[in-house]
Protein backbone atom coordinates (compact mmCIF):
# COMPACT_ATOMS: atom_id res chain seq x y z
CA MET A 1 -45.62 -14.53 -26.49
CA LYS A 2 -45.20 -13.23 -22.90
CA SER A 3 -44.73 -16.72 -21.52
CA SER A 4 -41.96 -17.50 -24.05
CA GLN A 5 -40.19 -14.21 -23.15
CA THR A 6 -40.53 -15.04 -19.45
CA LEU A 7 -39.07 -18.57 -20.09
CA LYS A 8 -36.18 -17.02 -22.01
CA GLU A 9 -35.44 -14.48 -19.26
CA ARG A 10 -35.48 -17.31 -16.62
CA LYS A 11 -33.00 -19.34 -18.71
CA GLU A 12 -30.75 -16.31 -19.03
CA MET A 13 -30.99 -15.69 -15.31
CA MET A 14 -30.14 -19.33 -14.49
CA THR A 15 -27.17 -19.20 -16.89
CA ALA A 16 -25.90 -16.00 -15.23
CA LEU A 17 -26.34 -17.49 -11.79
CA ALA A 18 -24.48 -20.64 -12.87
CA LEU A 19 -21.63 -18.51 -14.17
CA ILE A 20 -21.29 -16.29 -11.06
CA ALA A 21 -21.92 -19.15 -8.54
CA PRO A 22 -18.31 -20.33 -8.32
CA THR A 23 -17.12 -16.81 -7.59
CA ILE A 24 -19.78 -16.35 -4.93
CA ILE A 25 -18.92 -19.69 -3.34
CA VAL A 26 -15.18 -18.85 -3.25
CA MET A 27 -15.93 -15.38 -1.68
CA VAL A 28 -18.23 -16.90 0.95
CA ILE A 29 -15.70 -19.62 1.91
CA PHE A 30 -12.48 -17.54 1.81
CA LEU A 31 -13.74 -14.06 2.69
CA TYR A 32 -17.11 -13.88 4.51
CA ILE A 33 -16.81 -16.98 6.69
CA PRO A 34 -13.28 -16.13 7.92
CA PHE A 35 -14.44 -12.58 8.59
CA VAL A 36 -17.43 -13.75 10.68
CA ASN A 37 -15.09 -16.12 12.56
CA ALA A 38 -12.55 -13.34 13.19
CA LEU A 39 -15.32 -11.04 14.35
CA GLN A 40 -16.60 -13.73 16.78
CA THR A 41 -13.04 -14.44 18.04
CA SER A 42 -12.54 -10.73 18.80
CA PHE A 43 -15.18 -11.01 21.57
CA TYR A 44 -13.40 -13.85 23.33
CA LYS A 45 -10.25 -14.43 25.34
CA TYR A 46 -8.64 -17.02 23.19
CA ASN A 47 -5.12 -18.46 22.80
CA GLY A 48 -5.73 -20.31 19.54
CA LEU A 49 -6.30 -23.71 21.04
CA GLY A 50 -9.63 -25.35 21.78
CA ALA A 51 -13.10 -23.87 21.57
CA LEU A 52 -14.16 -20.26 22.16
CA GLU A 53 -15.37 -20.30 25.79
CA HIS A 54 -14.28 -17.14 27.71
CA PHE A 55 -16.54 -14.39 26.40
CA VAL A 56 -15.20 -10.91 27.21
CA GLY A 57 -17.27 -8.68 24.98
CA LEU A 58 -15.60 -5.44 23.96
CA LYS A 59 -12.73 -5.79 26.42
CA ASN A 60 -10.35 -6.93 23.69
CA TYR A 61 -11.10 -3.75 21.73
CA ALA A 62 -10.63 -1.62 24.80
CA LYS A 63 -7.42 -3.44 25.63
CA VAL A 64 -6.04 -2.89 22.13
CA LEU A 65 -7.03 0.80 22.00
CA ALA A 66 -5.44 1.41 25.36
CA ASP A 67 -2.22 -0.41 24.43
CA PRO A 68 0.63 2.12 23.77
CA LYS A 69 2.21 -0.33 21.32
CA PHE A 70 -0.98 -0.29 19.23
CA VAL A 71 -1.08 3.47 19.26
CA ARG A 72 2.51 3.60 18.19
CA SER A 73 1.93 1.04 15.44
CA LEU A 74 -0.98 3.08 14.19
CA TRP A 75 1.12 6.22 14.13
CA ASN A 76 3.96 4.40 12.40
CA THR A 77 1.56 3.05 9.74
CA PHE A 78 0.23 6.45 8.80
CA TYR A 79 3.72 7.99 9.08
CA LEU A 80 5.04 5.40 6.62
CA ILE A 81 2.10 6.06 4.30
CA MET A 82 2.68 9.87 4.32
CA VAL A 83 6.41 9.42 3.57
CA SER A 84 5.71 6.91 0.84
CA PHE A 85 3.63 9.49 -0.99
CA LEU A 86 7.01 10.70 -2.22
CA ALA A 87 7.05 7.74 -4.53
CA ILE A 88 4.37 9.34 -6.64
CA PRO A 89 6.27 12.56 -7.69
CA ILE A 90 9.44 10.45 -8.05
CA GLY A 91 7.57 8.11 -10.35
CA PHE A 92 6.21 11.10 -12.28
CA VAL A 93 9.67 12.52 -12.84
CA PHE A 94 10.94 9.22 -14.26
CA ALA A 95 7.77 8.80 -16.34
CA TYR A 96 8.25 12.28 -17.80
CA ILE A 97 11.94 11.57 -18.54
CA LEU A 98 10.84 8.41 -20.44
CA TYR A 99 8.13 10.37 -22.26
CA VAL A 100 10.54 13.09 -23.38
CA GLY A 101 13.04 10.47 -24.42
CA VAL A 102 16.57 9.55 -23.18
CA PRO A 103 19.38 7.62 -24.85
CA GLY A 104 18.95 3.91 -24.22
CA LYS A 105 15.33 4.40 -23.32
CA LYS A 106 14.46 0.70 -23.24
CA ILE A 107 17.34 -0.16 -20.97
CA PHE A 108 16.63 2.80 -18.74
CA ASN A 109 12.95 1.73 -18.47
CA ALA A 110 13.81 -1.90 -17.68
CA GLY A 111 16.32 -0.80 -15.08
CA LEU A 112 13.83 1.43 -13.32
CA PHE A 113 11.15 -1.21 -13.29
CA ILE A 114 13.27 -4.04 -11.98
CA PRO A 115 12.62 -3.23 -8.26
CA TYR A 116 8.91 -3.79 -8.70
CA LEU A 117 9.60 -7.28 -10.15
CA ILE A 118 11.47 -8.47 -7.15
CA SER A 119 9.44 -10.03 -4.37
CA MET A 120 9.06 -7.99 -1.21
CA VAL A 121 10.90 -10.62 0.88
CA VAL A 122 13.94 -10.46 -1.46
CA VAL A 123 13.79 -6.66 -1.36
CA GLY A 124 13.80 -6.71 2.38
CA CYS A 125 16.86 -9.04 2.43
CA ILE A 126 18.73 -6.88 -0.13
CA TRP A 127 18.21 -3.70 1.88
CA ARG A 128 19.12 -5.37 5.14
CA ILE A 129 22.50 -6.03 3.59
CA ILE A 130 22.63 -2.44 2.21
CA TYR A 131 21.99 -1.06 5.70
CA ASP A 132 24.29 -3.54 7.48
CA PRO A 133 26.76 -1.56 9.65
CA THR A 134 29.66 -3.93 8.90
CA ILE A 135 29.43 -4.83 5.20
CA GLY A 136 26.59 -2.56 3.99
CA PRO A 137 27.46 -0.14 1.17
CA VAL A 138 25.74 2.81 2.89
CA ASP A 139 28.11 2.87 5.86
CA GLN A 140 31.07 1.86 3.67
CA PHE A 141 30.41 4.86 1.39
CA LEU A 142 30.05 7.26 4.30
CA LYS A 143 33.45 6.03 5.72
CA MET A 144 35.12 6.36 2.32
CA ALA A 145 33.74 9.91 1.93
CA GLY A 146 35.15 10.86 5.34
CA LEU A 147 31.71 10.92 6.95
CA GLY A 148 32.26 7.90 9.16
CA LYS A 149 30.71 9.66 12.15
CA TYR A 150 27.30 9.40 10.34
CA ALA A 151 27.65 5.66 9.85
CA LYS A 152 25.33 3.71 12.10
CA ALA A 153 23.31 0.55 12.47
CA TRP A 154 20.30 1.97 10.57
CA LEU A 155 17.85 -0.85 11.31
CA SER A 156 18.90 -1.22 14.97
CA ARG A 157 18.32 2.30 16.09
CA PRO A 158 14.81 3.47 17.03
CA GLU A 159 15.27 6.96 15.39
CA THR A 160 16.36 5.58 11.96
CA ALA A 161 14.66 2.15 11.59
CA LEU A 162 11.38 3.50 10.30
CA TRP A 163 13.08 5.96 7.97
CA ALA A 164 15.23 3.22 6.51
CA ILE A 165 12.14 1.11 5.83
CA ALA A 166 10.41 4.06 4.23
CA VAL A 167 13.29 4.59 1.79
CA THR A 168 13.13 0.93 0.88
CA TRP A 169 9.34 1.09 0.42
CA ILE A 170 9.65 4.15 -1.84
CA TRP A 171 12.35 2.40 -3.87
CA ARG A 172 10.01 -0.58 -4.30
CA SER A 173 6.83 1.42 -5.04
CA GLN A 174 8.05 4.14 -7.50
CA PRO A 175 8.45 1.82 -10.54
CA PHE A 176 4.78 0.96 -10.51
CA ASN A 177 3.79 4.64 -10.21
CA MET A 178 6.23 5.43 -12.96
CA LEU A 179 4.74 2.79 -15.30
CA ILE A 180 1.08 3.92 -14.71
CA MET A 181 1.90 7.61 -15.23
CA TYR A 182 4.02 6.88 -18.33
CA ALA A 183 1.15 4.90 -19.79
CA ASN A 184 -1.26 7.74 -19.16
CA ILE A 185 1.09 10.44 -20.48
CA THR A 186 1.51 8.55 -23.77
CA LYS A 187 -2.31 8.44 -24.08
CA MET A 188 -2.54 12.23 -23.79
CA PRO A 189 -3.78 13.72 -27.12
CA GLU A 190 -0.79 15.38 -28.92
CA ASP A 191 -3.15 18.26 -29.91
CA PHE A 192 -2.86 19.59 -26.39
CA LEU A 193 0.90 20.11 -26.45
CA GLU A 194 0.89 21.16 -30.14
CA ALA A 195 -1.65 23.88 -29.37
CA ALA A 196 0.40 25.00 -26.39
CA GLN A 197 3.55 25.06 -28.56
CA ILE A 198 1.76 27.26 -31.12
CA ASP A 199 0.67 29.62 -28.34
CA GLY A 200 4.26 29.96 -27.22
CA ALA A 201 4.00 27.95 -23.94
CA ASN A 202 7.32 27.17 -22.32
CA PHE A 203 8.34 23.95 -20.55
CA ARG A 204 7.06 25.00 -17.13
CA GLN A 205 3.65 26.09 -18.55
CA LYS A 206 3.22 22.85 -20.45
CA LEU A 207 4.08 20.81 -17.35
CA PHE A 208 1.90 22.69 -14.82
CA TYR A 209 -1.05 23.66 -17.04
CA ILE A 210 -1.37 20.66 -19.35
CA ILE A 211 0.47 17.48 -18.30
CA ILE A 212 -0.08 17.59 -14.51
CA PRO A 213 -3.82 18.58 -14.75
CA TYR A 214 -4.25 15.80 -17.29
CA LEU A 215 -2.77 13.29 -14.85
CA LYS A 216 -4.83 14.42 -11.81
CA PRO A 217 -7.11 11.34 -11.88
CA THR A 218 -4.02 9.17 -12.13
CA PHE A 219 -2.45 10.94 -9.12
CA ALA A 220 -5.70 10.30 -7.15
CA VAL A 221 -5.71 6.57 -7.96
CA LEU A 222 -2.00 6.14 -7.06
CA ALA A 223 -2.58 8.03 -3.79
CA MET A 224 -5.37 5.66 -2.84
CA LEU A 225 -3.23 2.68 -3.77
CA THR A 226 -0.42 4.08 -1.65
CA VAL A 227 -2.74 4.29 1.33
CA THR A 228 -4.24 0.80 0.95
CA ASN A 229 -0.84 -0.79 0.25
CA GLY A 230 0.64 0.96 3.25
CA LEU A 231 -2.09 -0.24 5.55
CA ARG A 232 -1.52 -3.87 4.60
CA LEU A 233 2.29 -3.70 4.43
CA PHE A 234 3.73 -6.54 6.42
CA ASP A 235 6.39 -8.72 4.67
CA LEU A 236 8.89 -5.88 4.18
CA ILE A 237 8.61 -4.82 7.86
CA TRP A 238 8.94 -8.35 9.16
CA VAL A 239 11.95 -9.26 6.99
CA MET A 240 13.85 -6.10 7.76
CA THR A 241 13.15 -5.45 11.49
CA GLN A 242 10.21 -7.55 12.74
CA GLY A 243 8.87 -4.28 14.14
CA GLY A 244 11.99 -3.55 16.15
CA PRO A 245 14.00 -2.31 17.76
CA GLY A 246 11.65 -2.19 20.73
CA GLY A 247 8.62 -1.70 18.53
CA ALA A 248 10.03 1.45 16.86
CA SER A 249 9.12 0.21 13.37
CA ASP A 250 5.93 -1.73 14.37
CA VAL A 251 3.04 -1.15 12.00
CA MET A 252 -0.54 -2.41 12.45
CA THR A 253 -0.03 -5.59 10.49
CA SER A 254 3.17 -6.54 12.44
CA TYR A 255 1.42 -5.63 15.68
CA ILE A 256 -1.53 -7.92 14.84
CA TYR A 257 0.85 -10.77 13.92
CA THR A 258 2.91 -10.38 17.11
CA LYS A 259 -0.24 -10.14 19.29
CA ALA A 260 -1.86 -13.23 17.79
CA PHE A 261 0.99 -15.62 16.89
CA THR A 262 3.82 -14.60 19.24
CA ASN A 263 1.85 -13.63 22.33
CA ARG A 264 -0.91 -16.19 21.60
CA ASP A 265 -3.58 -13.58 22.27
CA PHE A 266 -5.82 -14.23 19.35
CA GLY A 267 -8.77 -12.32 20.82
CA ALA A 268 -6.86 -9.05 20.95
CA GLY A 269 -5.09 -9.80 17.65
CA THR A 270 -8.39 -10.26 15.80
CA ALA A 271 -9.83 -7.20 17.50
CA ALA A 272 -6.89 -5.20 16.12
CA SER A 273 -7.43 -6.72 12.66
CA VAL A 274 -11.10 -5.67 12.78
CA ILE A 275 -10.07 -2.12 13.71
CA LEU A 276 -7.67 -2.13 10.76
CA MET A 277 -10.51 -3.29 8.46
CA LEU A 278 -12.77 -0.54 9.75
CA ILE A 279 -10.09 2.06 9.11
CA MET A 280 -9.73 0.75 5.55
CA VAL A 281 -13.51 0.81 5.06
CA ALA A 282 -13.70 4.39 6.38
CA ILE A 283 -10.98 5.54 4.01
CA MET A 284 -12.74 3.90 1.01
CA ALA A 285 -16.09 5.49 2.09
CA VAL A 286 -14.46 8.96 2.26
CA LYS A 287 -12.88 8.37 -1.18
CA THR A 288 -16.28 7.37 -2.66
CA ILE A 289 -18.04 10.37 -1.15
CA VAL A 290 -15.36 12.79 -2.45
CA GLN A 291 -15.52 11.20 -5.93
CA LYS A 292 -19.32 11.53 -6.01
CA LYS A 293 -19.15 15.22 -4.96
CA ARG A 294 -16.63 15.96 -7.66
CA ALA A 295 -18.63 14.09 -10.27
CA GLY A 296 -21.68 16.09 -9.22
CA ARG A 297 -19.86 19.38 -9.56
CA ALA A 298 -18.47 18.37 -12.96
CA SER A 299 -21.92 17.48 -14.25
């Protein structure tokens, strides 16, 4: 009896291994092997051609961390992330409007969600035209409104380039936040609001004591997605400014690309990418620890 059970368990294990083997193979080939190669390259002075020969140890890491451009790109990355958190409350406002109901709800919903359906490259091209100092509608509107003195080349000035990109990123991000929050609001038990209505709760009380607390887990998930998406944002930056002017809108991903493929310094470029990966791992570790502590308190 035991031998037949053991044989059955082995067959089930072999079947399970056969099913997950393709996924494991793909992960090893396209994730773990490239990571090991990148880690190895980060310890060499390498221009992308030939074999790895000139071992420099941790000098690439020291070089990157001491580079003012890297420090600025790191600051710009987190600055962009902090500003893009605005997409969460904006998404919530639109989600609540859809939940309450507006005339032409389906058209309103589709119109709000369109930005998220457009590829990031196309979004970058559209907003480059919008910000264009000659034909862009932003400066044209300012001139028509008698505010021509405020018209400027938004993407060509160090003090406005990053802000202009942040506005574009918020415009692109908020539809996703809106959709997720709208889906969660509609799942909220109607008993909550009905009980509040019976108790005489007004609009503000329903919003701040029922709806927003109910959506706290959703806000946490969207905040984490905002951070991870901001850390890996590249295409929008590259299409709109390529990190310019003078590195004013450089983020970590554009810094890595420029270092490796423009300056042909793959050693320093991969070292910067490893640092970026460590930052992402650290953020995920903090998130996991906080979630476990909250779960422990709740239990």
